[in-house]
Structure formats: C-alpha cells, structure tokens
C-alpha cells in the first residue's frame, strides 16, 4: 500500500523555487493526489498559484524511495500561499479541505506523516506570541479527525533571510516563530523541528530557492526517519540530491517524459515516435 504524506502550510510548503533551477525528479513510484486519485508526481506538486514551483516534498519523497526502493509514496498537496494559522483554524476551509483530501487518499494509502511549513504570515503584529497554542489545536485536530493519534508531524523553520528581503518589515517576529516551532517539537509527542539554517531565497527574499527546497526536503526526511529534530545542516545534502535526481529512469518512465514533452508541444509527433523506438530497457 502507498505510504502517504499530507503537505500543509503556506507558500514555502507549496513551493516557489524556480522550475528550471534544478533537475526534475521523476519516479513512477512517487505519486501525488489529483482529484482524489494517484498520478505520477511532476512538479509543481502543489499548484495553489500560477507562481507555484519547486517545493521540499519531491526530494523528501526521493529520499524516502532510496530507503524503500520497492514501495510507493504518495504526496497529498494542501498548502495555501499566504495562509495564516487563523486560516488553518479547525473547522475552516483549509483545514476541512486537508482532512477531506487525506480521507480520499486513505482509501488507497496509509497516512505516514504530516509535513508542515508555515509561519511567515504570523511573524508580525504580536501574532507570534499565539503561535504555539494555535498550532497545538490544529495538530491535535488533524490527528483526531484522521484517526492518527501518533502520526509524525514535521515542521520546518523560517529562513534567516526574511528580515532583509523585499518584504522584510513584515517579518520582524520570525525568530520568535522559530523558537515556538522548536518548543512545540520538544514538548509535543511525535513532533519534530527542521532548521532552515544555511538555506537561501529567491530574489524576493521570501521564498526558498529551488536548491534550498531540495536540501530542505532531505532534512525533513532525516527528521522523519530518525525521529529527531534537525538543528544543523546535514553533511551530505547535495550528494543525496544528486543521487535522487540522477537515478536511471526505466523505459516506461523515459517514455512517459517523452509523452509529456509531446503534449506540451516541445517535440513533434515524428520526434516522439523516433525517440520512443530508440528506448531500451
């Protein structure tokens, strides 16, 4: 059965890394939920905005596959750019949608973890002081509604670049949010914190760039598999990313990518047929 992971939070969970800045990750055994059904993952996974791009989930899934080479993983994209903790309040639209989508996924998968990245929109005007209590209510409700009381909950920290970026004056409390996220991980059962230390942003100074998202996903997986907080960058992040991105593709996967190129108008029908004929196992 597919091991599924719910993706929740705001834009840095949805992903805003530039698609052309990294090699794509394509693997028949990495799925994403679309209209309640599993499709082979392509990026962007979480299409909440026209600006959606590379997020952390693809490299998380790729790292999971390195440990589980005969099994399938499924991603349930429910992140919403610009959303606050109040937007994620229990009973609200975002919360209810995430529960609904996950219950659809549970017909053909086993929920294995919840991936969370949110906090930029609660980093000003004193909102950070309420972060711990609001997040606690949300996490407890997810676990209750999904009948998953011990499900691992992995939360990533906010980037140190926030205060100096294009919208820096809005994020004066990002360090407080990070402290509450760490405190949450240290005091709540099966909850873990992943540092954003050393990660960099797009030119907007708000969204993690594509390479940083790949690195972040590796850290999230390390936290998940080791059941611990990740407080410093990992030594082999780039090595693992290269291994995931450079995985030899099966004939079926190569053919699927050619079909996608054809459907996007990037190659002609004759080129498609020639290239398909040349594929080898």
C-alpha atoms as a PDB file:
ATOM      1  CA  UNK A   1       0.000   0.000   0.000  1.00  0.00           C
ATOM      2  CA  UNK A   2       1.135   3.549  -0.734  1.00  0.00           C
ATOM      3  CA  UNK A   3       2.633   5.451   2.220  1.00  0.00           C
ATOM      4  CA  UNK A   4       1.095   8.915   2.056  1.00  0.00           C
ATOM      5  CA  UNK A   5       2.162  12.274   3.470  1.00  0.00           C
ATOM      6  CA  UNK A   6      -0.051  15.309   3.948  1.00  0.00           C
ATOM      7  CA  UNK A   7       1.532  18.623   2.871  1.00  0.00           C
ATOM      8  CA  UNK A   8       0.141  21.642   4.744  1.00  0.00           C
ATOM      9  CA  UNK A   9       1.146  25.230   5.419  1.00  0.00           C
ATOM     10  CA  UNK A  10       1.729  28.253   3.215  1.00  0.00           C
ATOM     11  CA  UNK A  11       3.749  29.131   0.115  1.00  0.00           C
ATOM     12  CA  UNK A  12       7.089  27.659   1.150  1.00  0.00           C
ATOM     13  CA  UNK A  13       5.419  24.269   1.592  1.00  0.00           C
ATOM     14  CA  UNK A  14       3.581  24.658  -1.720  1.00  0.00           C
ATOM     15  CA  UNK A  15       6.923  25.627  -3.277  1.00  0.00           C
ATOM     16  CA  UNK A  16       8.061  28.701  -5.150  1.00  0.00           C
ATOM     17  CA  UNK A  17      11.506  27.557  -6.299  1.00  0.00           C
ATOM     18  CA  UNK A  18      12.156  28.209  -9.989  1.00  0.00           C
ATOM     19  CA  UNK A  19      11.472  25.066 -12.001  1.00  0.00           C
ATOM     20  CA  UNK A  20      14.479  25.485 -14.280  1.00  0.00           C
ATOM     21  CA  UNK A  21      16.989  25.854 -11.453  1.00  0.00           C
ATOM     22  CA  UNK A  22      17.158  22.140 -10.625  1.00  0.00           C
ATOM     23  CA  UNK A  23      16.923  18.803 -12.405  1.00  0.00           C
ATOM     24  CA  UNK A  24      13.475  17.301 -12.289  1.00  0.00           C
ATOM     25  CA  UNK A  25      12.691  14.343 -10.083  1.00  0.00           C
ATOM     26  CA  UNK A  26      10.605  11.736 -11.871  1.00  0.00           C
ATOM     27  CA  UNK A  27       9.820   8.325 -10.446  1.00  0.00           C
ATOM     28  CA  UNK A  28       6.835   6.076 -11.173  1.00  0.00           C
ATOM     29  CA  UNK A  29       6.713   5.127  -7.516  1.00  0.00           C
ATOM     30  CA  UNK A  30       6.333   8.737  -6.320  1.00  0.00           C
ATOM     31  CA  UNK A  31       2.685   9.735  -6.583  1.00  0.00           C
ATOM     32  CA  UNK A  32       0.667  12.877  -5.958  1.00  0.00           C
ATOM     33  CA  UNK A  33      -3.044  13.137  -5.276  1.00  0.00           C
ATOM     34  CA  UNK A  34      -5.050  14.726  -8.100  1.00  0.00           C
ATOM     35  CA  UNK A  35      -8.865  14.688  -7.996  1.00  0.00           C
ATOM     36  CA  UNK A  36      -8.735  12.020  -5.328  1.00  0.00           C
ATOM     37  CA  UNK A  37      -6.596   9.684  -7.433  1.00  0.00           C
ATOM     38  CA  UNK A  38      -2.881   8.962  -7.572  1.00  0.00           C
ATOM     39  CA  UNK A  39      -0.817  10.225 -10.505  1.00  0.00           C
ATOM     40  CA  UNK A  40       2.921  10.003 -11.046  1.00  0.00           C
ATOM     41  CA  UNK A  41       4.433  13.088  -9.441  1.00  0.00           C
ATOM     42  CA  UNK A  42       5.500  16.038 -11.552  1.00  0.00           C
ATOM     43  CA  UNK A  43       6.435  19.484 -10.292  1.00  0.00           C
ATOM     44  CA  UNK A  44       4.887  21.767  -9.276  1.00  0.00           C
ATOM     45  CA  UNK A  45       3.120  19.352  -6.957  1.00  0.00           C
ATOM     46  CA  UNK A  46       1.088  21.905  -5.013  1.00  0.00           C
ATOM     47  CA  UNK A  47      -0.461  24.171  -7.639  1.00  0.00           C
ATOM     48  CA  UNK A  48      -2.054  26.788  -5.384  1.00  0.00           C
ATOM     49  CA  UNK A  49      -0.904  29.739  -7.509  1.00  0.00           C
ATOM     50  CA  UNK A  50       0.377  30.383 -11.047  1.00  0.00           C
ATOM     51  CA  UNK A  51       3.738  31.051  -9.336  1.00  0.00           C
ATOM     52  CA  UNK A  52       3.944  27.526  -7.890  1.00  0.00           C
ATOM     53  CA  UNK A  53       7.261  25.778  -8.387  1.00  0.00           C
ATOM     54  CA  UNK A  54       9.786  23.577  -6.620  1.00  0.00           C
ATOM     55  CA  UNK A  55       8.952  22.627  -3.059  1.00  0.00           C
ATOM     56  CA  UNK A  56      10.548  20.364  -0.491  1.00  0.00           C
ATOM     57  CA  UNK A  57       8.238  17.371  -0.984  1.00  0.00           C
ATOM     58  CA  UNK A  58       9.862  15.956  -4.136  1.00  0.00           C
ATOM     59  CA  UNK A  59      13.302  15.488  -2.574  1.00  0.00           C
ATOM     60  CA  UNK A  60      11.641  14.253   0.626  1.00  0.00           C
ATOM     61  CA  UNK A  61       9.899  11.598  -1.463  1.00  0.00           C
ATOM     62  CA  UNK A  62      13.098  10.837  -3.382  1.00  0.00           C
ATOM     63  CA  UNK A  63      14.983  10.281  -0.129  1.00  0.00           C
ATOM     64  CA  UNK A  64      12.152   8.059   1.088  1.00  0.00           C
ATOM     65  CA  UNK A  65      12.468   5.996  -2.101  1.00  0.00           C
ATOM     66  CA  UNK A  66      16.192   5.463  -1.509  1.00  0.00           C
ATOM     67  CA  UNK A  67      15.228   3.686   1.716  1.00  0.00           C
ATOM     68  CA  UNK A  68      12.148   1.951   0.277  1.00  0.00           C
ATOM     69  CA  UNK A  69      13.079   1.026  -3.281  1.00  0.00           C
ATOM     70  CA  UNK A  70      10.185  -1.390  -3.865  1.00  0.00           C
ATOM     71  CA  UNK A  71       7.449   0.734  -2.342  1.00  0.00           C
ATOM     72  CA  UNK A  72       5.323   3.696  -3.394  1.00  0.00           C
ATOM     73  CA  UNK A  73       4.980   7.055  -1.664  1.00  0.00           C
ATOM     74  CA  UNK A  74       2.083   9.461  -2.142  1.00  0.00           C
ATOM     75  CA  UNK A  75       2.007  13.224  -1.600  1.00  0.00           C
ATOM     76  CA  UNK A  76      -1.235  14.981  -0.620  1.00  0.00           C
ATOM     77  CA  UNK A  77      -0.796  18.668  -1.592  1.00  0.00           C
ATOM     78  CA  UNK A  78      -2.943  21.016   0.513  1.00  0.00           C
ATOM     79  CA  UNK A  79      -0.685  24.019   1.222  1.00  0.00           C
ATOM     80  CA  UNK A  80      -2.044  27.509   0.530  1.00  0.00           C
ATOM     81  CA  UNK A  81       0.186  30.504  -0.153  1.00  0.00           C
ATOM     82  CA  UNK A  82      -0.176  33.443   2.228  1.00  0.00           C
ATOM     83  CA  UNK A  83      -2.217  31.499   4.771  1.00  0.00           C
ATOM     84  CA  UNK A  84      -2.051  32.283   8.481  1.00  0.00           C
ATOM     85  CA  UNK A  85      -2.710  29.999  11.437  1.00  0.00           C
ATOM     86  CA  UNK A  86      -6.158  31.545  11.663  1.00  0.00           C
ATOM     87  CA  UNK A  87      -6.754  30.461   8.062  1.00  0.00           C
ATOM     88  CA  UNK A  88      -5.850  26.924   9.191  1.00  0.00           C
ATOM     89  CA  UNK A  89      -8.172  27.046  12.194  1.00  0.00           C
ATOM     90  CA  UNK A  90     -10.107  23.871  12.969  1.00  0.00           C
ATOM     91  CA  UNK A  91     -13.356  23.881  11.030  1.00  0.00           C
ATOM     92  CA  UNK A  92     -12.092  26.399   8.477  1.00  0.00           C
ATOM     93  CA  UNK A  93     -11.930  25.818   4.733  1.00  0.00           C
ATOM     94  CA  UNK A  94      -8.225  24.949   4.557  1.00  0.00           C
ATOM     95  CA  UNK A  95      -8.407  22.563   7.490  1.00  0.00           C
ATOM     96  CA  UNK A  96     -11.528  20.849   6.196  1.00  0.00           C
ATOM     97  CA  UNK A  97     -10.097  20.542   2.690  1.00  0.00           C
ATOM     98  CA  UNK A  98      -6.912  18.916   4.007  1.00  0.00           C
ATOM     99  CA  UNK A  99      -8.956  16.424   6.035  1.00  0.00           C
ATOM    100  CA  UNK A 100     -11.198  15.693   3.044  1.00  0.00           C
ATOM    101  CA  UNK A 101      -8.298  15.190   0.630  1.00  0.00           C
ATOM    102  CA  UNK A 102      -6.485  12.971   3.100  1.00  0.00           C
ATOM    103  CA  UNK A 103      -9.555  10.815   3.653  1.00  0.00           C
ATOM    104  CA  UNK A 104      -9.784  10.327  -0.114  1.00  0.00           C
ATOM    105  CA  UNK A 105      -6.128   9.318  -0.144  1.00  0.00           C
ATOM    106  CA  UNK A 106      -6.707   6.907   2.736  1.00  0.00           C
ATOM    107  CA  UNK A 107      -8.901   4.748   0.517  1.00  0.00           C
ATOM    108  CA  UNK A 108      -5.739   3.548  -1.207  1.00  0.00           C
ATOM    109  CA  UNK A 109      -2.912   4.558   1.135  1.00  0.00           C
ATOM    110  CA  UNK A 110      -1.722   4.636   4.708  1.00  0.00           C
ATOM    111  CA  UNK A 111      -1.110   8.082   6.202  1.00  0.00           C
ATOM    112  CA  UNK A 112       2.501   8.050   7.344  1.00  0.00           C
ATOM    113  CA  UNK A 113       3.305  11.659   8.207  1.00  0.00           C
ATOM    114  CA  UNK A 114       2.308  15.323   8.093  1.00  0.00           C
ATOM    115  CA  UNK A 115       4.720  17.866   6.594  1.00  0.00           C
ATOM    116  CA  UNK A 116       4.210  21.453   7.764  1.00  0.00           C
ATOM    117  CA  UNK A 117       5.802  24.748   6.820  1.00  0.00           C
ATOM    118  CA  UNK A 118       4.056  27.935   7.873  1.00  0.00           C
ATOM    119  CA  UNK A 119       4.762  30.996   9.956  1.00  0.00           C
ATOM    120  CA  UNK A 120       5.698  33.917   7.745  1.00  0.00           C
ATOM    121  CA  UNK A 121       2.133  35.189   7.974  1.00  0.00           C
ATOM    122  CA  UNK A 122       2.245  35.054  11.783  1.00  0.00           C
ATOM    123  CA  UNK A 123       5.573  36.859  12.155  1.00  0.00           C
ATOM    124  CA  UNK A 124       4.351  40.385  12.853  1.00  0.00           C
ATOM    125  CA  UNK A 125       1.933  42.463  14.966  1.00  0.00           C
ATOM    126  CA  UNK A 126       2.329  40.209  18.006  1.00  0.00           C
ATOM    127  CA  UNK A 127       0.821  37.149  16.306  1.00  0.00           C
ATOM    128  CA  UNK A 128       3.905  35.055  17.078  1.00  0.00           C
ATOM    129  CA  UNK A 129       3.018  35.008  20.793  1.00  0.00           C
ATOM    130  CA  UNK A 130      -0.060  32.933  19.974  1.00  0.00           C
ATOM    131  CA  UNK A 131       1.705  30.527  17.640  1.00  0.00           C
ATOM    132  CA  UNK A 132       2.271  27.578  19.976  1.00  0.00           C
ATOM    133  CA  UNK A 133      -1.304  27.354  21.245  1.00  0.00           C
ATOM    134  CA  UNK A 134      -2.893  27.808  17.808  1.00  0.00           C
ATOM    135  CA  UNK A 135      -0.642  25.191  16.216  1.00  0.00           C
ATOM    136  CA  UNK A 136      -1.333  22.765  19.062  1.00  0.00           C
ATOM    137  CA  UNK A 137      -5.075  22.936  18.426  1.00  0.00           C
ATOM    138  CA  UNK A 138      -4.560  22.374  14.690  1.00  0.00           C
ATOM    139  CA  UNK A 139      -2.230  19.390  15.068  1.00  0.00           C
ATOM    140  CA  UNK A 140      -4.395  17.742  17.698  1.00  0.00           C
ATOM    141  CA  UNK A 141      -7.438  18.185  15.452  1.00  0.00           C
ATOM    142  CA  UNK A 142      -5.670  16.718  12.404  1.00  0.00           C
ATOM    143  CA  UNK A 143      -4.681  13.677  14.428  1.00  0.00           C
ATOM    144  CA  UNK A 144      -8.193  13.307  15.804  1.00  0.00           C
ATOM    145  CA  UNK A 145     -10.046  13.825  12.514  1.00  0.00           C
ATOM    146  CA  UNK A 146      -7.722  11.464  10.635  1.00  0.00           C
ATOM    147  CA  UNK A 147      -7.747   8.844  13.387  1.00  0.00           C
ATOM    148  CA  UNK A 148      -3.965   9.073  13.555  1.00  0.00           C
ATOM    149  CA  UNK A 149      -3.080   9.968  17.161  1.00  0.00           C
ATOM    150  CA  UNK A 150       0.623   9.159  16.814  1.00  0.00           C
ATOM    151  CA  UNK A 151       1.249  10.402  13.279  1.00  0.00           C
ATOM    152  CA  UNK A 152       4.651  12.137  12.955  1.00  0.00           C
ATOM    153  CA  UNK A 153       4.388  15.896  12.427  1.00  0.00           C
ATOM    154  CA  UNK A 154       7.459  17.537  10.849  1.00  0.00           C
ATOM    155  CA  UNK A 155       7.692  21.346  10.911  1.00  0.00           C
ATOM    156  CA  UNK A 156      10.356  23.407   9.165  1.00  0.00           C
ATOM    157  CA  UNK A 157      11.839  26.644  10.401  1.00  0.00           C
ATOM    158  CA  UNK A 158      11.605  30.038   8.722  1.00  0.00           C
ATOM    159  CA  UNK A 159      14.566  31.326   6.721  1.00  0.00           C
ATOM    160  CA  UNK A 160      17.010  33.811   8.225  1.00  0.00           C
ATOM    161  CA  UNK A 161      16.771  35.821   5.015  1.00  0.00           C
ATOM    162  CA  UNK A 162      13.226  37.010   5.818  1.00  0.00           C
ATOM    163  CA  UNK A 163      14.154  40.191   7.659  1.00  0.00           C
ATOM    164  CA  UNK A 164      16.306  41.533   4.812  1.00  0.00           C
ATOM    165  CA  UNK A 165      14.157  40.618   1.820  1.00  0.00           C
ATOM    166  CA  UNK A 166      11.678  42.590  -0.235  1.00  0.00           C
ATOM    167  CA  UNK A 167       9.004  42.261   2.451  1.00  0.00           C
ATOM    168  CA  UNK A 168      11.376  42.182   5.402  1.00  0.00           C
ATOM    169  CA  UNK A 169       9.493  44.694   7.525  1.00  0.00           C
ATOM    170  CA  UNK A 170       6.569  42.270   7.720  1.00  0.00           C
ATOM    171  CA  UNK A 171       8.612  39.524   9.384  1.00  0.00           C
ATOM    172  CA  UNK A 172      10.001  41.185  12.493  1.00  0.00           C
ATOM    173  CA  UNK A 173       8.955  38.209  14.648  1.00  0.00           C
ATOM    174  CA  UNK A 174      10.214  35.314  12.525  1.00  0.00           C
ATOM    175  CA  UNK A 175      12.797  34.336  15.158  1.00  0.00           C
ATOM    176  CA  UNK A 176      10.055  34.071  17.774  1.00  0.00           C
ATOM    177  CA  UNK A 177       8.061  31.815  15.449  1.00  0.00           C
ATOM    178  CA  UNK A 178      11.115  29.589  15.003  1.00  0.00           C
ATOM    179  CA  UNK A 179      11.539  29.401  18.763  1.00  0.00           C
ATOM    180  CA  UNK A 180       7.906  28.378  19.237  1.00  0.00           C
ATOM    181  CA  UNK A 181       8.210  25.760  16.481  1.00  0.00           C
ATOM    182  CA  UNK A 182      11.227  24.275  18.238  1.00  0.00           C
ATOM    183  CA  UNK A 183       9.466  24.406  21.607  1.00  0.00           C
ATOM    184  CA  UNK A 184       6.457  22.709  20.028  1.00  0.00           C
ATOM    185  CA  UNK A 185       8.665  19.903  18.719  1.00  0.00           C
ATOM    186  CA  UNK A 186      10.327  19.482  22.097  1.00  0.00           C
ATOM    187  CA  UNK A 187       7.103  19.290  24.076  1.00  0.00           C
ATOM    188  CA  UNK A 188       4.538  17.609  21.801  1.00  0.00           C
ATOM    189  CA  UNK A 189       4.686  13.845  21.127  1.00  0.00           C
ATOM    190  CA  UNK A 190       5.975  12.714  17.726  1.00  0.00           C
ATOM    191  CA  UNK A 191       6.585  16.282  16.569  1.00  0.00           C
ATOM    192  CA  UNK A 192       9.921  17.372  15.112  1.00  0.00           C
ATOM    193  CA  UNK A 193      11.604  20.593  14.008  1.00  0.00           C
ATOM    194  CA  UNK A 194      13.829  21.059  10.946  1.00  0.00           C
ATOM    195  CA  UNK A 195      16.144  24.044  10.727  1.00  0.00           C
ATOM    196  CA  UNK A 196      16.310  26.311   7.682  1.00  0.00           C
ATOM    197  CA  UNK A 197      19.845  27.361   8.603  1.00  0.00           C
ATOM    198  CA  UNK A 198      22.051  27.991   5.567  1.00  0.00           C
ATOM    199  CA  UNK A 199      19.180  27.924   3.092  1.00  0.00           C
ATOM    200  CA  UNK A 200      18.784  30.785   0.626  1.00  0.00           C
ATOM    201  CA  UNK A 201      15.928  32.591  -1.077  1.00  0.00           C
ATOM    202  CA  UNK A 202      14.734  33.706  -4.469  1.00  0.00           C
ATOM    203  CA  UNK A 203      15.298  37.349  -5.283  1.00  0.00           C
ATOM    204  CA  UNK A 204      12.150  38.233  -3.323  1.00  0.00           C
ATOM    205  CA  UNK A 205      13.835  37.302  -0.050  1.00  0.00           C
ATOM    206  CA  UNK A 206      10.669  35.452   0.949  1.00  0.00           C
ATOM    207  CA  UNK A 207      10.604  32.080  -0.787  1.00  0.00           C
ATOM    208  CA  UNK A 208      13.267  29.381  -0.585  1.00  0.00           C
ATOM    209  CA  UNK A 209      15.029  28.925  -3.907  1.00  0.00           C
ATOM    210  CA  UNK A 210      14.849  25.588  -5.717  1.00  0.00           C
ATOM    211  CA  UNK A 211      18.191  24.196  -4.487  1.00  0.00           C
ATOM    212  CA  UNK A 212      17.325  25.124  -0.906  1.00  0.00           C
ATOM    213  CA  UNK A 213      13.967  23.391  -1.239  1.00  0.00           C
ATOM    214  CA  UNK A 214      15.749  20.243  -2.381  1.00  0.00           C
ATOM    215  CA  UNK A 215      18.044  20.479   0.665  1.00  0.00           C
ATOM    216  CA  UNK A 216      15.102  21.171   2.963  1.00  0.00           C
ATOM    217  CA  UNK A 217      13.339  18.028   1.778  1.00  0.00           C
ATOM    218  CA  UNK A 218      16.402  15.941   2.665  1.00  0.00           C
ATOM    219  CA  UNK A 219      16.377  17.436   6.166  1.00  0.00           C
ATOM    220  CA  UNK A 220      12.661  16.740   6.570  1.00  0.00           C
ATOM    221  CA  UNK A 221      13.230  13.111   5.631  1.00  0.00           C
ATOM    222  CA  UNK A 222      16.162  12.770   8.034  1.00  0.00           C
ATOM    223  CA  UNK A 223      13.933  14.142  10.788  1.00  0.00           C
ATOM    224  CA  UNK A 224      11.154  11.738   9.853  1.00  0.00           C
ATOM    225  CA  UNK A 225      13.263   8.597   9.601  1.00  0.00           C
ATOM    226  CA  UNK A 226      15.425   9.322  12.666  1.00  0.00           C
ATOM    227  CA  UNK A 227      12.502  10.733  14.705  1.00  0.00           C
ATOM    228  CA  UNK A 228      14.508  13.717  15.879  1.00  0.00           C
ATOM    229  CA  UNK A 229      14.931  17.452  15.437  1.00  0.00           C
ATOM    230  CA  UNK A 230      17.391  18.573  12.772  1.00  0.00           C
ATOM    231  CA  UNK A 231      19.146  21.610  14.212  1.00  0.00           C
ATOM    232  CA  UNK A 232      22.084  21.957  11.800  1.00  0.00           C
ATOM    233  CA  UNK A 233      22.559  21.378   8.047  1.00  0.00           C
ATOM    234  CA  UNK A 234      23.302  17.782   7.048  1.00  0.00           C
ATOM    235  CA  UNK A 235      26.720  16.971   5.620  1.00  0.00           C
ATOM    236  CA  UNK A 236      25.558  15.002   2.569  1.00  0.00           C
ATOM    237  CA  UNK A 237      22.547  17.005   1.390  1.00  0.00           C
ATOM    238  CA  UNK A 238      23.844  17.749  -2.094  1.00  0.00           C
ATOM    239  CA  UNK A 239      25.202  14.219  -2.531  1.00  0.00           C
ATOM    240  CA  UNK A 240      21.779  12.745  -1.792  1.00  0.00           C
ATOM    241  CA  UNK A 241      20.045  15.255  -4.055  1.00  0.00           C
ATOM    242  CA  UNK A 242      22.297  14.303  -6.960  1.00  0.00           C
ATOM    243  CA  UNK A 243      21.634  10.627  -6.313  1.00  0.00           C
ATOM    244  CA  UNK A 244      17.879  11.229  -6.382  1.00  0.00           C
ATOM    245  CA  UNK A 245      17.896  13.471  -9.454  1.00  0.00           C
ATOM    246  CA  UNK A 246      20.312  11.276 -11.415  1.00  0.00           C
ATOM    247  CA  UNK A 247      18.529   7.986 -10.755  1.00  0.00           C
ATOM    248  CA  UNK A 248      18.449   5.963 -14.010  1.00  0.00           C
ATOM    249  CA  UNK A 249      14.952   6.050 -15.471  1.00  0.00           C
ATOM    250  CA  UNK A 250      13.107   2.940 -16.537  1.00  0.00           C
ATOM    251  CA  UNK A 251      11.965   2.583 -20.141  1.00  0.00           C
ATOM    252  CA  UNK A 252       8.420   3.325 -19.035  1.00  0.00           C
ATOM    253  CA  UNK A 253       9.493   6.494 -17.214  1.00  0.00           C
ATOM    254  CA  UNK A 254      11.519   7.707 -20.194  1.00  0.00           C
ATOM    255  CA  UNK A 255       8.531   7.113 -22.440  1.00  0.00           C
ATOM    256  CA  UNK A 256       6.210   8.982 -20.092  1.00  0.00           C
ATOM    257  CA  UNK A 257       8.510  12.006 -20.085  1.00  0.00           C
ATOM    258  CA  UNK A 258       8.620  11.976 -23.887  1.00  0.00           C
ATOM    259  CA  UNK A 259       4.819  11.875 -23.970  1.00  0.00           C
ATOM    260  CA  UNK A 260       4.741  14.881 -21.636  1.00  0.00           C
ATOM    261  CA  UNK A 261       7.174  16.790 -23.892  1.00  0.00           C
ATOM    262  CA  UNK A 262       4.980  15.996 -26.886  1.00  0.00           C
ATOM    263  CA  UNK A 263       1.796  17.078 -25.083  1.00  0.00           C
ATOM    264  CA  UNK A 264       3.467  20.384 -24.195  1.00  0.00           C
ATOM    265  CA  UNK A 265       4.448  20.984 -27.808  1.00  0.00           C
ATOM    266  CA  UNK A 266       8.163  20.646 -27.092  1.00  0.00           C
ATOM    267  CA  UNK A 267       8.744  17.840 -29.621  1.00  0.00           C
ATOM    268  CA  UNK A 268       6.928  16.821 -32.797  1.00  0.00           C
ATOM    269  CA  UNK A 269       4.971  13.605 -33.264  1.00  0.00           C
ATOM    270  CA  UNK A 270       7.652  12.200 -35.562  1.00  0.00           C
ATOM    271  CA  UNK A 271      10.364  13.001 -32.996  1.00  0.00           C
ATOM    272  CA  UNK A 272       8.273  11.366 -30.299  1.00  0.00           C
ATOM    273  CA  UNK A 273       7.872   8.174 -32.280  1.00  0.00           C
ATOM    274  CA  UNK A 274      11.559   8.061 -33.216  1.00  0.00           C
ATOM    275  CA  UNK A 275      12.672   8.556 -29.641  1.00  0.00           C
ATOM    276  CA  UNK A 276      10.202   6.012 -28.290  1.00  0.00           C
ATOM    277  CA  UNK A 277      11.529   3.452 -30.773  1.00  0.00           C
ATOM    278  CA  UNK A 278      15.080   4.008 -29.538  1.00  0.00           C
ATOM    279  CA  UNK A 279      14.298   3.458 -25.861  1.00  0.00           C
ATOM    280  CA  UNK A 280      15.983   0.480 -24.266  1.00  0.00           C
ATOM    281  CA  UNK A 281      15.242  -1.360 -21.045  1.00  0.00           C
END
